[in-house]
Amino acid sequence: MEQTLKITNVLSDPTRYYIYQYVTKRQSEVTVQEIADNFEIHPNVARLHLSKLEDVHMLISETKKTGKGGRPSRLYRLSEEIIQLHFPFRDYQLLSKIAIETMISLGPVGKDALYLTGKKYGQELIYSQIPNNNKNILDLSFENKIEILKDAATLAGFYPEITFNPEQTKVYMHVKNCPFKELAKVHTDAVCDMHYAFLQGMFEVLFEGVELEQPENMMNGCENCRYQAFV
């Protein structure tokens, strides 16, 4: 409870809250100067905000040489600790672990069910983001579909970067944040398959006959999870 109060107190400052969101979406190290420039605040103020976030273990930092001479820079990045705020306390991480391990214990049948359920929820998330609840996907432009895809993926906590080729035949998605990361470290195959199915369900609603590939997976040491869809 004491740690929860400390976290809520730190995040009660709007600027500090948005700085934490910024670092979360970046999924890479940030400097004091970068935060100062992006939020138009003095570097000393930026340093204070970052230090407050580090004090409650939401960020960690280390000093590194930049190779440009001068003093080493202090770089801040997300902590590996899971931040969960619930009143009263509810351990959804434990519930997820129990559910995943239960499905895995059922063998191939459980893994298939996990895959299908992931795809179903991906589809439902996309439908919930279609403007005015209009289910006629054919009325949407390619750009509209990309916008819906990005909004839905962000809502799910993926914080993606989405691009496409000029011919509008390929869509590239870089997932910077895996919302299932902690579980994926323990049950990599099952969780990553479910993650893939979730995204496949999202793509299939928007693009008929889509083929989704995953060239890179952060669980295999890659910087991000990277997907490419042939639409």
C-alpha atoms as a PDB file:
ATOM      1  CA  MET A   1       0.000   0.000   0.000  1.00  0.00           C
ATOM      2  CA  GLU A   2       2.838   2.402   0.854  1.00  0.00           C
ATOM      3  CA  GLN A   3       4.410   1.914  -2.594  1.00  0.00           C
ATOM      4  CA  THR A   4       1.016   2.462  -4.256  1.00  0.00           C
ATOM      5  CA  LEU A   5       0.633   5.775  -2.438  1.00  0.00           C
ATOM      6  CA  LYS A   6       4.113   6.840  -3.524  1.00  0.00           C
ATOM      7  CA  ILE A   7       3.352   6.024  -7.163  1.00  0.00           C
ATOM      8  CA  THR A   8       0.002   7.821  -7.173  1.00  0.00           C
ATOM      9  CA  ASN A   9       1.651  10.848  -5.586  1.00  0.00           C
ATOM     10  CA  VAL A  10       4.377  10.908  -8.250  1.00  0.00           C
ATOM     11  CA  LEU A  11       1.873  10.527 -11.113  1.00  0.00           C
ATOM     12  CA  SER A  12      -0.448  13.189  -9.702  1.00  0.00           C
ATOM     13  CA  ASP A  13       1.681  15.784 -11.469  1.00  0.00           C
ATOM     14  CA  PRO A  14       0.328  15.986 -15.067  1.00  0.00           C
ATOM     15  CA  THR A  15       3.713  16.747 -16.639  1.00  0.00           C
ATOM     16  CA  ARG A  16       5.339  13.829 -14.848  1.00  0.00           C
ATOM     17  CA  TYR A  17       2.507  11.535 -15.947  1.00  0.00           C
ATOM     18  CA  TYR A  18       2.949  12.529 -19.602  1.00  0.00           C
ATOM     19  CA  ILE A  19       6.718  12.142 -19.333  1.00  0.00           C
ATOM     20  CA  TYR A  20       6.217   8.564 -18.134  1.00  0.00           C
ATOM     21  CA  GLN A  21       3.829   7.947 -21.039  1.00  0.00           C
ATOM     22  CA  TYR A  22       6.427   9.360 -23.414  1.00  0.00           C
ATOM     23  CA  VAL A  23       9.171   7.051 -22.114  1.00  0.00           C
ATOM     24  CA  THR A  24       6.780   4.093 -22.241  1.00  0.00           C
ATOM     25  CA  LYS A  25       5.977   4.719 -25.897  1.00  0.00           C
ATOM     26  CA  ARG A  26       9.613   5.347 -26.813  1.00  0.00           C
ATOM     27  CA  GLN A  27      10.732   2.000 -25.324  1.00  0.00           C
ATOM     28  CA  SER A  28      14.304   3.281 -25.443  1.00  0.00           C
ATOM     29  CA  GLU A  29      16.634   5.408 -23.387  1.00  0.00           C
ATOM     30  CA  VAL A  30      15.954   9.125 -23.059  1.00  0.00           C
ATOM     31  CA  THR A  31      18.122  12.001 -21.881  1.00  0.00           C
ATOM     32  CA  VAL A  32      17.248  14.933 -19.685  1.00  0.00           C
ATOM     33  CA  GLN A  33      17.704  17.261 -22.648  1.00  0.00           C
ATOM     34  CA  GLU A  34      15.341  15.208 -24.828  1.00  0.00           C
ATOM     35  CA  ILE A  35      12.612  15.444 -22.190  1.00  0.00           C
ATOM     36  CA  ALA A  36      13.272  19.144 -21.703  1.00  0.00           C
ATOM     37  CA  ASP A  37      12.988  19.785 -25.454  1.00  0.00           C
ATOM     38  CA  ASN A  38       9.849  17.699 -25.958  1.00  0.00           C
ATOM     39  CA  PHE A  39       7.982  19.177 -23.002  1.00  0.00           C
ATOM     40  CA  GLU A  40       9.411  22.691 -23.329  1.00  0.00           C
ATOM     41  CA  ILE A  41      10.695  22.792 -19.761  1.00  0.00           C
ATOM     42  CA  HIS A  42      14.066  23.673 -18.229  1.00  0.00           C
ATOM     43  CA  PRO A  43      16.534  20.742 -18.075  1.00  0.00           C
ATOM     44  CA  ASN A  44      16.670  21.046 -14.277  1.00  0.00           C
ATOM     45  CA  VAL A  45      12.886  20.592 -14.131  1.00  0.00           C
ATOM     46  CA  ALA A  46      13.089  17.637 -16.526  1.00  0.00           C
ATOM     47  CA  ARG A  47      15.791  16.058 -14.361  1.00  0.00           C
ATOM     48  CA  LEU A  48      13.603  16.484 -11.271  1.00  0.00           C
ATOM     49  CA  HIS A  49      10.640  14.756 -12.930  1.00  0.00           C
ATOM     50  CA  LEU A  50      12.802  11.861 -14.123  1.00  0.00           C
ATOM     51  CA  SER A  51      14.364  11.500 -10.683  1.00  0.00           C
ATOM     52  CA  LYS A  52      10.939  11.348  -9.039  1.00  0.00           C
ATOM     53  CA  LEU A  53       9.920   8.550 -11.430  1.00  0.00           C
ATOM     54  CA  GLU A  54      13.154   6.738 -10.666  1.00  0.00           C
ATOM     55  CA  ASP A  55      12.602   7.078  -6.918  1.00  0.00           C
ATOM     56  CA  VAL A  56       9.447   4.919  -7.157  1.00  0.00           C
ATOM     57  CA  HIS A  57      11.174   2.416  -9.502  1.00  0.00           C
ATOM     58  CA  MET A  58       9.135   3.333 -12.569  1.00  0.00           C
ATOM     59  CA  LEU A  59      12.345   4.308 -14.359  1.00  0.00           C
ATOM     60  CA  ILE A  60      15.966   3.333 -13.962  1.00  0.00           C
ATOM     61  CA  SER A  61      19.027   5.237 -15.136  1.00  0.00           C
ATOM     62  CA  GLU A  62      22.704   4.823 -15.812  1.00  0.00           C
ATOM     63  CA  THR A  63      25.540   7.065 -16.906  1.00  0.00           C
ATOM     64  CA  LYS A  64      26.998   6.453 -20.349  1.00  0.00           C
ATOM     65  CA  LYS A  65      29.562   8.154 -22.549  1.00  0.00           C
ATOM     66  CA  THR A  66      28.058   9.454 -25.763  1.00  0.00           C
ATOM     67  CA  GLY A  67      31.291   9.309 -27.766  1.00  0.00           C
ATOM     68  CA  LYS A  68      31.050  13.033 -28.458  1.00  0.00           C
ATOM     69  CA  GLY A  69      33.408  14.114 -25.709  1.00  0.00           C
ATOM     70  CA  GLY A  70      32.505  15.994 -22.582  1.00  0.00           C
ATOM     71  CA  ARG A  71      30.791  14.604 -19.523  1.00  0.00           C
ATOM     72  CA  PRO A  72      28.936  11.268 -19.692  1.00  0.00           C
ATOM     73  CA  SER A  73      25.149  11.559 -20.042  1.00  0.00           C
ATOM     74  CA  ARG A  74      22.591  10.048 -17.686  1.00  0.00           C
ATOM     75  CA  LEU A  75      20.138   7.931 -19.652  1.00  0.00           C
ATOM     76  CA  TYR A  76      16.726   6.932 -18.337  1.00  0.00           C
ATOM     77  CA  ARG A  77      14.633   3.948 -19.418  1.00  0.00           C
ATOM     78  CA  LEU A  78      11.647   1.942 -18.237  1.00  0.00           C
ATOM     79  CA  SER A  79      12.094  -0.252 -15.201  1.00  0.00           C
ATOM     80  CA  GLU A  80      11.405  -3.977 -15.519  1.00  0.00           C
ATOM     81  CA  GLU A  81       9.097  -3.761 -12.517  1.00  0.00           C
ATOM     82  CA  ILE A  82       5.383  -4.125 -13.260  1.00  0.00           C
ATOM     83  CA  ILE A  83       3.352  -1.101 -12.201  1.00  0.00           C
ATOM     84  CA  GLN A  84      -0.230  -1.983 -11.300  1.00  0.00           C
ATOM     85  CA  LEU A  85      -2.659   0.276  -9.466  1.00  0.00           C
ATOM     86  CA  HIS A  86      -5.953  -1.228  -8.323  1.00  0.00           C
ATOM     87  CA  PHE A  87      -8.311  -0.256  -5.508  1.00  0.00           C
ATOM     88  CA  PRO A  88      -8.874  -2.639  -3.839  1.00  0.00           C
ATOM     89  CA  PHE A  89      -5.825  -4.667  -4.864  1.00  0.00           C
ATOM     90  CA  ARG A  90      -6.381  -7.239  -7.628  1.00  0.00           C
ATOM     91  CA  ASP A  91      -3.560  -9.337  -9.028  1.00  0.00           C
ATOM     92  CA  TYR A  92      -4.508  -9.601 -12.689  1.00  0.00           C
ATOM     93  CA  GLN A  93      -0.962 -10.695 -13.525  1.00  0.00           C
ATOM     94  CA  LEU A  94      -1.443 -13.791 -11.348  1.00  0.00           C
ATOM     95  CA  LEU A  95      -4.857 -14.429 -12.897  1.00  0.00           C
ATOM     96  CA  SER A  96      -3.330 -14.241 -16.388  1.00  0.00           C
ATOM     97  CA  LYS A  97      -0.588 -16.655 -15.387  1.00  0.00           C
ATOM     98  CA  ILE A  98      -3.117 -19.142 -13.996  1.00  0.00           C
ATOM     99  CA  ALA A  99      -5.239 -18.900 -17.156  1.00  0.00           C
ATOM    100  CA  ILE A 100      -2.261 -19.343 -19.495  1.00  0.00           C
ATOM    101  CA  GLU A 101      -0.841 -22.290 -17.563  1.00  0.00           C
ATOM    102  CA  THR A 102      -4.279 -23.918 -17.443  1.00  0.00           C
ATOM    103  CA  MET A 103      -4.634 -23.679 -21.223  1.00  0.00           C
ATOM    104  CA  ILE A 104      -1.110 -25.012 -21.770  1.00  0.00           C
ATOM    105  CA  SER A 105      -1.791 -27.965 -19.459  1.00  0.00           C
ATOM    106  CA  LEU A 106      -4.581 -29.049 -21.833  1.00  0.00           C
ATOM    107  CA  GLY A 107      -2.038 -29.693 -24.571  1.00  0.00           C
ATOM    108  CA  PRO A 108      -2.751 -28.956 -28.257  1.00  0.00           C
ATOM    109  CA  VAL A 109      -6.461 -28.393 -27.561  1.00  0.00           C
ATOM    110  CA  GLY A 110      -5.671 -25.683 -25.019  1.00  0.00           C
ATOM    111  CA  LYS A 111      -3.118 -23.992 -27.267  1.00  0.00           C
ATOM    112  CA  ASP A 112      -5.595 -23.981 -30.160  1.00  0.00           C
ATOM    113  CA  ALA A 113      -8.260 -22.462 -27.907  1.00  0.00           C
ATOM    114  CA  LEU A 114      -5.809 -19.787 -26.742  1.00  0.00           C
ATOM    115  CA  TYR A 115      -4.984 -18.933 -30.364  1.00  0.00           C
ATOM    116  CA  LEU A 116      -8.645 -18.702 -31.412  1.00  0.00           C
ATOM    117  CA  THR A 117      -9.549 -16.630 -28.360  1.00  0.00           C
ATOM    118  CA  GLY A 118      -6.694 -14.217 -29.088  1.00  0.00           C
ATOM    119  CA  LYS A 119      -7.900 -13.781 -32.665  1.00  0.00           C
ATOM    120  CA  LYS A 120     -11.479 -13.233 -31.504  1.00  0.00           C
ATOM    121  CA  TYR A 121     -10.510 -10.442 -29.118  1.00  0.00           C
ATOM    122  CA  GLY A 122      -8.356  -8.807 -31.804  1.00  0.00           C
ATOM    123  CA  GLN A 123     -11.352  -8.773 -34.143  1.00  0.00           C
ATOM    124  CA  GLU A 124     -13.660  -7.369 -31.473  1.00  0.00           C
ATOM    125  CA  LEU A 125     -11.188  -4.603 -30.637  1.00  0.00           C
ATOM    126  CA  ILE A 126     -11.099  -3.447 -34.266  1.00  0.00           C
ATOM    127  CA  TYR A 127     -14.902  -3.452 -34.559  1.00  0.00           C
ATOM    128  CA  SER A 128     -15.107  -1.307 -31.421  1.00  0.00           C
ATOM    129  CA  GLN A 129     -12.898   1.332 -33.079  1.00  0.00           C
ATOM    130  CA  ILE A 130     -14.812   1.660 -36.341  1.00  0.00           C
ATOM    131  CA  PRO A 131     -16.479   5.132 -36.430  1.00  0.00           C
ATOM    132  CA  ASN A 132     -20.226   5.295 -35.839  1.00  0.00           C
ATOM    133  CA  ASN A 133     -20.247   1.526 -35.416  1.00  0.00           C
ATOM    134  CA  ASN A 134     -20.261   1.218 -39.226  1.00  0.00           C
ATOM    135  CA  LYS A 135     -19.503  -2.426 -39.986  1.00  0.00           C
ATOM    136  CA  ASN A 136     -19.194  -1.947 -43.745  1.00  0.00           C
ATOM    137  CA  ILE A 137     -15.413  -2.198 -44.009  1.00  0.00           C
ATOM    138  CA  LEU A 138     -15.583  -1.633 -47.778  1.00  0.00           C
ATOM    139  CA  ASP A 139     -16.579   2.003 -47.149  1.00  0.00           C
ATOM    140  CA  LEU A 140     -13.259   2.680 -45.395  1.00  0.00           C
ATOM    141  CA  SER A 141     -10.263   4.036 -47.275  1.00  0.00           C
ATOM    142  CA  PHE A 142      -6.846   2.437 -46.872  1.00  0.00           C
ATOM    143  CA  GLU A 143      -5.735   5.378 -44.728  1.00  0.00           C
ATOM    144  CA  ASN A 144      -8.850   5.011 -42.538  1.00  0.00           C
ATOM    145  CA  LYS A 145      -8.024   1.349 -41.978  1.00  0.00           C
ATOM    146  CA  ILE A 146      -4.448   2.166 -40.978  1.00  0.00           C
ATOM    147  CA  GLU A 147      -5.690   4.803 -38.523  1.00  0.00           C
ATOM    148  CA  ILE A 148      -8.166   2.362 -36.966  1.00  0.00           C
ATOM    149  CA  LEU A 149      -5.456  -0.306 -36.751  1.00  0.00           C
ATOM    150  CA  LYS A 150      -3.057   2.068 -35.008  1.00  0.00           C
ATOM    151  CA  ASP A 151      -5.687   3.359 -32.557  1.00  0.00           C
ATOM    152  CA  ALA A 152      -6.774  -0.174 -31.650  1.00  0.00           C
ATOM    153  CA  ALA A 153      -3.201  -1.426 -31.220  1.00  0.00           C
ATOM    154  CA  THR A 154      -2.364   1.583 -29.034  1.00  0.00           C
ATOM    155  CA  LEU A 155      -5.472   0.960 -26.946  1.00  0.00           C
ATOM    156  CA  ALA A 156      -4.277  -2.627 -26.430  1.00  0.00           C
ATOM    157  CA  GLY A 157      -0.944  -1.304 -25.143  1.00  0.00           C
ATOM    158  CA  PHE A 158       1.254  -2.169 -28.148  1.00  0.00           C
ATOM    159  CA  TYR A 159       2.315   1.441 -28.903  1.00  0.00           C
ATOM    160  CA  PRO A 160       3.040   0.552 -32.544  1.00  0.00           C
ATOM    161  CA  GLU A 161       4.739   2.325 -35.404  1.00  0.00           C
ATOM    162  CA  ILE A 162       2.812   1.563 -38.594  1.00  0.00           C
ATOM    163  CA  THR A 163       4.007   2.318 -42.121  1.00  0.00           C
ATOM    164  CA  PHE A 164       3.098   1.024 -45.570  1.00  0.00           C
ATOM    165  CA  ASN A 165       4.619   0.938 -49.044  1.00  0.00           C
ATOM    166  CA  PRO A 166       3.496   3.386 -51.762  1.00  0.00           C
ATOM    167  CA  GLU A 167       1.530   0.683 -53.576  1.00  0.00           C
ATOM    168  CA  GLN A 168      -0.488   0.044 -50.389  1.00  0.00           C
ATOM    169  CA  THR A 169       0.190  -3.681 -50.668  1.00  0.00           C
ATOM    170  CA  LYS A 170       2.294  -4.086 -47.523  1.00  0.00           C
ATOM    171  CA  VAL A 171       1.764  -2.809 -44.000  1.00  0.00           C
ATOM    172  CA  TYR A 172       4.655  -2.792 -41.538  1.00  0.00           C
ATOM    173  CA  MET A 173       4.040  -2.765 -37.794  1.00  0.00           C
ATOM    174  CA  HIS A 174       6.751  -2.344 -35.168  1.00  0.00           C
ATOM    175  CA  VAL A 175       5.429  -3.192 -31.708  1.00  0.00           C
ATOM    176  CA  LYS A 176       7.433  -1.282 -29.119  1.00  0.00           C
ATOM    177  CA  ASN A 177       5.649  -2.560 -26.048  1.00  0.00           C
ATOM    178  CA  CYS A 178       4.464  -6.122 -25.485  1.00  0.00           C
ATOM    179  CA  PRO A 179       1.607  -6.083 -22.940  1.00  0.00           C
ATOM    180  CA  PHE A 180       2.217  -9.798 -22.392  1.00  0.00           C
ATOM    181  CA  LYS A 181       5.984  -9.460 -21.945  1.00  0.00           C
ATOM    182  CA  GLU A 182       6.259 -10.858 -18.415  1.00  0.00           C
ATOM    183  CA  LEU A 183       4.197 -13.944 -19.280  1.00  0.00           C
ATOM    184  CA  ALA A 184       5.969 -14.358 -22.616  1.00  0.00           C
ATOM    185  CA  LYS A 185       9.311 -14.716 -20.839  1.00  0.00           C
ATOM    186  CA  VAL A 186       7.985 -17.845 -19.107  1.00  0.00           C
ATOM    187  CA  HIS A 187       5.648 -19.271 -21.770  1.00  0.00           C
ATOM    188  CA  THR A 188       7.178 -17.844 -24.931  1.00  0.00           C
ATOM    189  CA  ASP A 189       5.615 -20.060 -27.590  1.00  0.00           C
ATOM    190  CA  ALA A 190       2.061 -20.024 -26.226  1.00  0.00           C
ATOM    191  CA  VAL A 191       1.944 -16.314 -25.421  1.00  0.00           C
ATOM    192  CA  CYS A 192       3.663 -15.206 -28.652  1.00  0.00           C
ATOM    193  CA  ASP A 193       1.287 -17.396 -30.693  1.00  0.00           C
ATOM    194  CA  MET A 194      -1.660 -15.791 -28.911  1.00  0.00           C
ATOM    195  CA  HIS A 195      -0.135 -12.331 -29.487  1.00  0.00           C
ATOM    196  CA  TYR A 196       0.228 -13.128 -33.191  1.00  0.00           C
ATOM    197  CA  ALA A 197      -3.382 -14.356 -33.347  1.00  0.00           C
ATOM    198  CA  PHE A 198      -4.582 -11.177 -31.637  1.00  0.00           C
ATOM    199  CA  LEU A 199      -2.926  -9.023 -34.300  1.00  0.00           C
ATOM    200  CA  GLN A 200      -3.987 -11.353 -37.084  1.00  0.00           C
ATOM    201  CA  GLY A 201      -7.597 -10.964 -35.970  1.00  0.00           C
ATOM    202  CA  MET A 202      -7.183  -7.184 -36.111  1.00  0.00           C
ATOM    203  CA  PHE A 203      -5.737  -7.259 -39.632  1.00  0.00           C
ATOM    204  CA  GLU A 204      -8.304  -9.746 -40.946  1.00  0.00           C
ATOM    205  CA  VAL A 205     -11.228  -7.481 -40.086  1.00  0.00           C
ATOM    206  CA  LEU A 206      -9.731  -4.616 -42.084  1.00  0.00           C
ATOM    207  CA  PHE A 207      -7.973  -6.401 -44.947  1.00  0.00           C
ATOM    208  CA  GLU A 208      -9.578  -9.364 -46.685  1.00  0.00           C
ATOM    209  CA  GLY A 209      -7.170 -12.193 -47.515  1.00  0.00           C
ATOM    210  CA  VAL A 210      -4.319 -10.646 -45.524  1.00  0.00           C
ATOM    211  CA  GLU A 211      -1.108 -12.619 -44.930  1.00  0.00           C
ATOM    212  CA  LEU A 212       0.685 -11.723 -41.708  1.00  0.00           C
ATOM    213  CA  GLU A 213       4.353 -12.516 -41.043  1.00  0.00           C
ATOM    214  CA  GLN A 214       6.575 -11.849 -38.027  1.00  0.00           C
ATOM    215  CA  PRO A 215      10.245 -11.425 -39.041  1.00  0.00           C
ATOM    216  CA  GLU A 216      11.372 -10.210 -35.592  1.00  0.00           C
ATOM    217  CA  ASN A 217      10.400 -11.107 -32.033  1.00  0.00           C
ATOM    218  CA  MET A 218      11.695  -9.289 -28.945  1.00  0.00           C
ATOM    219  CA  MET A 219      11.630 -12.597 -27.057  1.00  0.00           C
ATOM    220  CA  ASN A 220      14.392 -13.754 -29.421  1.00  0.00           C
ATOM    221  CA  GLY A 221      16.591 -10.784 -28.580  1.00  0.00           C
ATOM    222  CA  CYS A 222      15.224  -8.355 -31.186  1.00  0.00           C
ATOM    223  CA  GLU A 223      14.656  -4.722 -30.240  1.00  0.00           C
ATOM    224  CA  ASN A 224      10.958  -4.846 -31.194  1.00  0.00           C
ATOM    225  CA  CYS A 225       8.379  -7.301 -32.410  1.00  0.00           C
ATOM    226  CA  ARG A 226       8.064  -6.586 -36.129  1.00  0.00           C
ATOM    227  CA  TYR A 227       5.204  -7.681 -38.363  1.00  0.00           C
ATOM    228  CA  GLN A 228       4.532  -7.281 -42.051  1.00  0.00           C
ATOM    229  CA  ALA A 229       1.146  -7.809 -43.620  1.00  0.00           C
ATOM    230  CA  PHE A 230       0.558  -8.460 -47.295  1.00  0.00           C
ATOM    231  CA  VAL A 231      -2.809  -6.853 -48.006  1.00  0.00           C
END
